[in-house]
Amino acid sequence: MANRVRAVGSSMFGFAERPAVGLRDPGTNPTQGSTRRRESRRVRSFSDVELKGVLDGLATVEREGANPGAVAALRLSLLLGWRISECLALRWEDVDLESRTAVLRDAKAGTRTARLSAPACRIIADAPQLGAVLAPGRDPLRPVDYKVAYKIWRQACEISGVENAQIHDCRRSIATRLANDNVGAAVIQAVLGHSTPTMALRYVADASSAAGTAVEMYGERIESLMMPDRRRSEGAR
């Protein structure tokens, strides 16, 4: 939070120092002498049990009358790793279930065409079309406020007993699973919609499973190279 406040303050004071604005003397930005604090990278991803729990929780809150579009958006985020803002603002006109693609016009890195899995297509097909977007608010042309989706998310997590879970962890979860299935950085980048593979790999919470498999395979390869020397050594004994 301190780093976020520092960044906003720096931008505000920097703007005030511009000659065209003239609200502060140049070089008087008070944030310039402050030090950015070290941040710990969040590494939370969901286990299969937790994923099932959240999905069951979403089904429960939906039956209890939760916004169906917001519930569908949360399910898409779990399935596809899209940002929740991208899911909420998904336009019906941009969805092609036949080709299993969707155009994300509000993507952070710019408009992109994303692939849809078969389960994702079923979620979209089952969602009620109440406006121009998947999860419309009072204005049928605009998505519902993020707070609505977050409230539903918290209720689903409480019902299922999943703790310390953020909606953004959906992205980290799919990236971690793909990495442990030996999917390359470029593919993870395409799935998450990041501008660079490096940024995408920051969402991999733990690739120890894939690392273990890689080490084992490499060890077997090296051992095969050592086999002649190993047989001679055993014969000498």
Protein backbone atom coordinates (compact mmCIF):
# COMPACT_ATOMS: atom_id res chain seq x y z
CA MET A 1 0.00 0.00 0.00
CA ALA A 2 2.86 2.36 0.80
CA ASN A 3 4.29 1.76 -2.67
CA ARG A 4 0.92 2.41 -4.30
CA VAL A 5 0.52 5.68 -2.37
CA ARG A 6 4.06 6.69 -3.32
CA ALA A 7 3.39 6.02 -7.01
CA VAL A 8 0.14 8.01 -7.04
CA GLY A 9 1.73 10.88 -5.10
CA SER A 10 4.69 10.98 -7.47
CA SER A 11 2.36 11.20 -10.47
CA MET A 12 0.26 13.96 -8.90
CA PHE A 13 3.19 16.13 -7.86
CA GLY A 14 4.94 15.51 -11.17
CA PHE A 15 1.85 16.71 -13.01
CA ALA A 16 1.66 19.80 -10.78
CA GLU A 17 5.28 20.69 -11.69
CA ARG A 18 4.63 20.78 -15.44
CA PRO A 19 5.18 24.28 -16.90
CA ALA A 20 1.74 24.23 -18.45
CA VAL A 21 0.18 23.51 -15.04
CA GLY A 22 2.44 25.62 -12.84
CA LEU A 23 1.09 24.53 -9.44
CA ARG A 24 4.54 23.64 -8.04
CA ASP A 25 8.13 24.67 -8.71
CA PRO A 26 10.12 22.18 -10.82
CA GLY A 27 12.14 19.66 -8.79
CA THR A 28 10.02 19.96 -5.63
CA ASN A 29 8.29 16.59 -5.87
CA PRO A 30 8.49 15.34 -2.24
CA THR A 31 8.27 11.68 -3.24
CA GLN A 32 11.64 11.77 -5.00
CA GLY A 33 13.49 11.37 -1.72
CA SER A 34 11.42 8.39 -0.60
CA THR A 35 12.45 4.77 -1.02
CA ARG A 36 10.26 2.14 -2.58
CA ARG A 37 9.69 -0.73 -0.18
CA ARG A 38 10.49 -4.30 -1.11
CA GLU A 39 7.41 -6.32 -1.99
CA SER A 40 6.91 -10.07 -1.64
CA ARG A 41 5.56 -11.63 -4.82
CA ARG A 42 2.24 -13.35 -4.24
CA VAL A 43 2.51 -17.07 -5.07
CA ARG A 44 -1.01 -18.26 -4.28
CA SER A 45 -2.55 -20.78 -6.64
CA PHE A 46 -5.48 -23.14 -6.15
CA SER A 47 -5.36 -26.88 -5.63
CA ASP A 48 -7.88 -29.11 -7.40
CA VAL A 49 -9.83 -29.43 -4.16
CA GLU A 50 -9.95 -25.64 -3.78
CA LEU A 51 -11.00 -25.16 -7.39
CA LYS A 52 -13.89 -27.58 -6.95
CA GLY A 53 -14.81 -25.85 -3.70
CA VAL A 54 -14.98 -22.41 -5.30
CA LEU A 55 -17.00 -23.74 -8.25
CA ASP A 56 -19.43 -25.43 -5.86
CA GLY A 57 -19.64 -22.22 -3.86
CA LEU A 58 -20.44 -20.23 -7.00
CA ALA A 59 -23.22 -22.68 -7.84
CA THR A 60 -24.66 -22.19 -4.36
CA VAL A 61 -24.67 -18.38 -4.45
CA GLU A 62 -26.13 -18.48 -7.96
CA ARG A 63 -29.05 -20.57 -6.71
CA GLU A 64 -29.49 -18.03 -3.92
CA GLY A 65 -30.00 -15.24 -6.45
CA ALA A 66 -26.52 -13.84 -7.17
CA ASN A 67 -26.01 -11.87 -10.38
CA PRO A 68 -25.86 -14.65 -13.03
CA GLY A 69 -23.62 -12.69 -15.37
CA ALA A 70 -21.09 -11.99 -12.62
CA VAL A 71 -21.13 -15.67 -11.63
CA ALA A 72 -20.50 -16.66 -15.25
CA ALA A 73 -17.63 -14.14 -15.43
CA LEU A 74 -16.00 -15.63 -12.32
CA ARG A 75 -16.29 -19.12 -13.77
CA LEU A 76 -14.64 -17.92 -16.98
CA SER A 77 -11.79 -16.38 -14.99
CA LEU A 78 -11.24 -19.72 -13.25
CA LEU A 79 -11.35 -21.64 -16.53
CA LEU A 80 -9.43 -19.31 -18.84
CA GLY A 81 -7.29 -17.15 -16.56
CA TRP A 82 -8.72 -13.93 -17.98
CA ARG A 83 -8.75 -10.81 -15.85
CA ILE A 84 -12.12 -10.45 -14.15
CA SER A 85 -12.58 -7.07 -15.86
CA GLU A 86 -12.20 -8.80 -19.24
CA CYS A 87 -14.77 -11.43 -18.28
CA LEU A 88 -17.33 -8.95 -16.96
CA ALA A 89 -17.04 -6.73 -20.05
CA LEU A 90 -17.14 -9.55 -22.60
CA ARG A 91 -19.51 -8.46 -25.37
CA TRP A 92 -21.93 -10.94 -26.84
CA GLU A 93 -21.20 -9.65 -30.32
CA ASP A 94 -17.52 -10.51 -29.82
CA VAL A 95 -18.15 -14.17 -28.99
CA ASP A 96 -18.04 -16.86 -31.67
CA LEU A 97 -18.92 -20.19 -30.08
CA GLU A 98 -18.58 -22.03 -33.39
CA SER A 99 -14.91 -21.09 -33.79
CA ARG A 100 -14.43 -21.02 -29.99
CA THR A 101 -12.98 -17.52 -29.98
CA ALA A 102 -13.75 -14.24 -28.26
CA VAL A 103 -12.44 -10.74 -28.95
CA LEU A 104 -11.41 -8.99 -25.73
CA ARG A 105 -11.65 -5.29 -26.50
CA ASP A 106 -10.99 -4.18 -22.92
CA ALA A 107 -7.82 -6.25 -22.44
CA LYS A 108 -5.02 -4.56 -20.53
CA ALA A 109 -2.43 -5.17 -23.24
CA GLY A 110 -4.79 -4.11 -26.03
CA THR A 111 -7.54 -5.79 -28.02
CA ARG A 112 -6.84 -9.48 -28.58
CA THR A 113 -8.59 -12.60 -29.81
CA ALA A 114 -8.64 -15.35 -27.18
CA ARG A 115 -9.41 -19.03 -27.49
CA LEU A 116 -12.35 -20.58 -25.64
CA SER A 117 -12.34 -24.09 -24.21
CA ALA A 118 -15.41 -26.30 -24.58
CA PRO A 119 -16.41 -25.79 -20.90
CA ALA A 120 -16.02 -22.02 -21.34
CA CYS A 121 -18.31 -22.13 -24.39
CA ARG A 122 -20.94 -23.96 -22.33
CA ILE A 123 -20.74 -21.35 -19.56
CA ILE A 124 -21.23 -18.52 -22.06
CA ALA A 125 -24.05 -20.36 -23.84
CA ASP A 126 -25.88 -20.94 -20.54
CA ALA A 127 -25.54 -17.33 -19.33
CA PRO A 128 -28.63 -15.12 -19.79
CA GLN A 129 -28.26 -12.30 -22.31
CA LEU A 130 -29.46 -9.37 -20.21
CA GLY A 131 -27.49 -6.67 -21.98
CA ALA A 132 -24.69 -6.00 -24.44
CA VAL A 133 -22.07 -7.61 -22.17
CA LEU A 134 -21.86 -10.86 -20.24
CA ALA A 135 -22.41 -9.20 -16.86
CA PRO A 136 -24.32 -5.95 -17.32
CA GLY A 137 -25.09 -3.60 -14.47
CA ARG A 138 -27.95 -1.12 -14.31
CA ASP A 139 -26.81 0.17 -17.66
CA PRO A 140 -27.27 -2.80 -20.06
CA LEU A 141 -24.42 -1.48 -22.20
CA ARG A 142 -21.85 -1.48 -19.40
CA PRO A 143 -20.52 -4.23 -17.09
CA VAL A 144 -21.52 -4.52 -13.47
CA ASP A 145 -19.21 -2.94 -10.90
CA TYR A 146 -16.24 -5.01 -9.75
CA LYS A 147 -17.53 -4.86 -6.17
CA VAL A 148 -20.49 -7.03 -7.15
CA ALA A 149 -18.21 -9.75 -8.54
CA TYR A 150 -15.90 -9.50 -5.52
CA LYS A 151 -18.81 -9.93 -3.08
CA ILE A 152 -19.96 -13.05 -4.91
CA TRP A 153 -16.40 -14.36 -4.91
CA ARG A 154 -16.04 -13.85 -1.15
CA GLN A 155 -19.35 -15.60 -0.50
CA ALA A 156 -18.33 -18.58 -2.66
CA CYS A 157 -14.99 -18.87 -0.87
CA GLU A 158 -16.62 -18.68 2.56
CA ILE A 159 -19.12 -21.39 1.66
CA SER A 160 -16.37 -23.68 0.37
CA GLY A 161 -13.87 -22.86 3.13
CA VAL A 162 -11.21 -21.63 0.70
CA GLU A 163 -9.06 -19.08 2.51
CA ASN A 164 -6.69 -16.32 1.36
CA ALA A 165 -8.14 -16.40 -2.13
CA GLN A 166 -8.20 -13.46 -4.49
CA ILE A 167 -9.93 -13.38 -7.87
CA HIS A 168 -6.58 -12.62 -9.50
CA ASP A 169 -5.29 -15.95 -8.18
CA CYS A 170 -7.30 -17.56 -10.99
CA ARG A 171 -4.65 -16.30 -13.41
CA ARG A 172 -1.83 -17.54 -11.23
CA SER A 173 -3.48 -20.96 -10.96
CA ILE A 174 -3.79 -21.57 -14.69
CA ALA A 175 -0.26 -20.29 -15.33
CA THR A 176 1.13 -22.61 -12.64
CA ARG A 177 -0.68 -25.65 -14.03
CA LEU A 178 0.41 -24.94 -17.58
CA ALA A 179 4.02 -24.51 -16.49
CA ASN A 180 3.93 -27.84 -14.65
CA ASP A 181 2.49 -29.44 -17.78
CA ASN A 182 5.63 -28.20 -19.57
CA VAL A 183 3.78 -25.57 -21.58
CA GLY A 184 6.20 -22.93 -22.89
CA ALA A 185 6.36 -19.29 -21.83
CA ALA A 186 5.04 -18.05 -25.19
CA VAL A 187 1.88 -20.13 -24.83
CA ILE A 188 1.34 -19.01 -21.22
CA GLN A 189 1.76 -15.44 -22.45
CA ALA A 190 -0.92 -15.98 -25.09
CA VAL A 191 -3.31 -17.56 -22.59
CA LEU A 192 -2.96 -14.78 -20.03
CA GLY A 193 -2.80 -11.98 -22.59
CA HIS A 194 0.45 -10.47 -21.35
CA SER A 195 2.67 -8.28 -23.50
CA THR A 196 5.82 -10.34 -22.82
CA PRO A 197 6.66 -13.95 -21.82
CA THR A 198 8.62 -12.60 -18.84
CA MET A 199 5.52 -10.93 -17.44
CA ALA A 200 3.52 -14.12 -17.98
CA LEU A 201 6.06 -16.26 -16.11
CA ARG A 202 5.72 -14.03 -13.06
CA TYR A 203 2.31 -15.64 -12.63
CA VAL A 204 3.79 -19.11 -12.24
CA ALA A 205 3.58 -19.71 -8.50
CA ASP A 206 5.44 -23.03 -8.39
CA ALA A 207 6.92 -25.10 -11.20
CA SER A 208 8.54 -27.67 -8.89
CA SER A 209 6.61 -30.56 -10.46
CA ALA A 210 7.85 -29.77 -13.95
CA ALA A 211 11.31 -29.04 -12.55
CA GLY A 212 11.38 -32.44 -10.86
CA THR A 213 10.41 -34.18 -14.09
CA ALA A 214 13.02 -32.23 -16.04
CA VAL A 215 15.76 -33.04 -13.54
CA GLU A 216 14.81 -36.72 -13.59
CA MET A 217 14.88 -36.85 -17.39
CA TYR A 218 18.23 -35.07 -17.53
CA GLY A 219 19.62 -37.35 -14.84
CA GLU A 220 18.62 -40.42 -16.84
CA ARG A 221 20.30 -38.95 -19.91
CA ILE A 222 23.56 -38.31 -18.07
CA GLU A 223 23.40 -41.74 -16.48
CA SER A 224 23.07 -43.34 -19.90
CA LEU A 225 26.31 -41.62 -20.93
CA MET A 226 27.99 -43.02 -17.83
CA MET A 227 26.79 -46.60 -18.37
CA PRO A 228 29.98 -47.98 -20.05
CA ASP A 229 32.14 -46.69 -17.21
CA ARG A 230 29.60 -47.97 -14.70
CA ARG A 231 29.69 -51.53 -16.18
CA ARG A 232 33.50 -51.58 -16.13
CA SER A 233 33.46 -50.40 -12.51
CA GLU A 234 30.98 -53.11 -11.48
CA GLY A 235 32.97 -55.77 -13.37
CA ALA A 236 36.15 -54.81 -11.53
CA ARG A 237 34.40 -55.35 -8.19
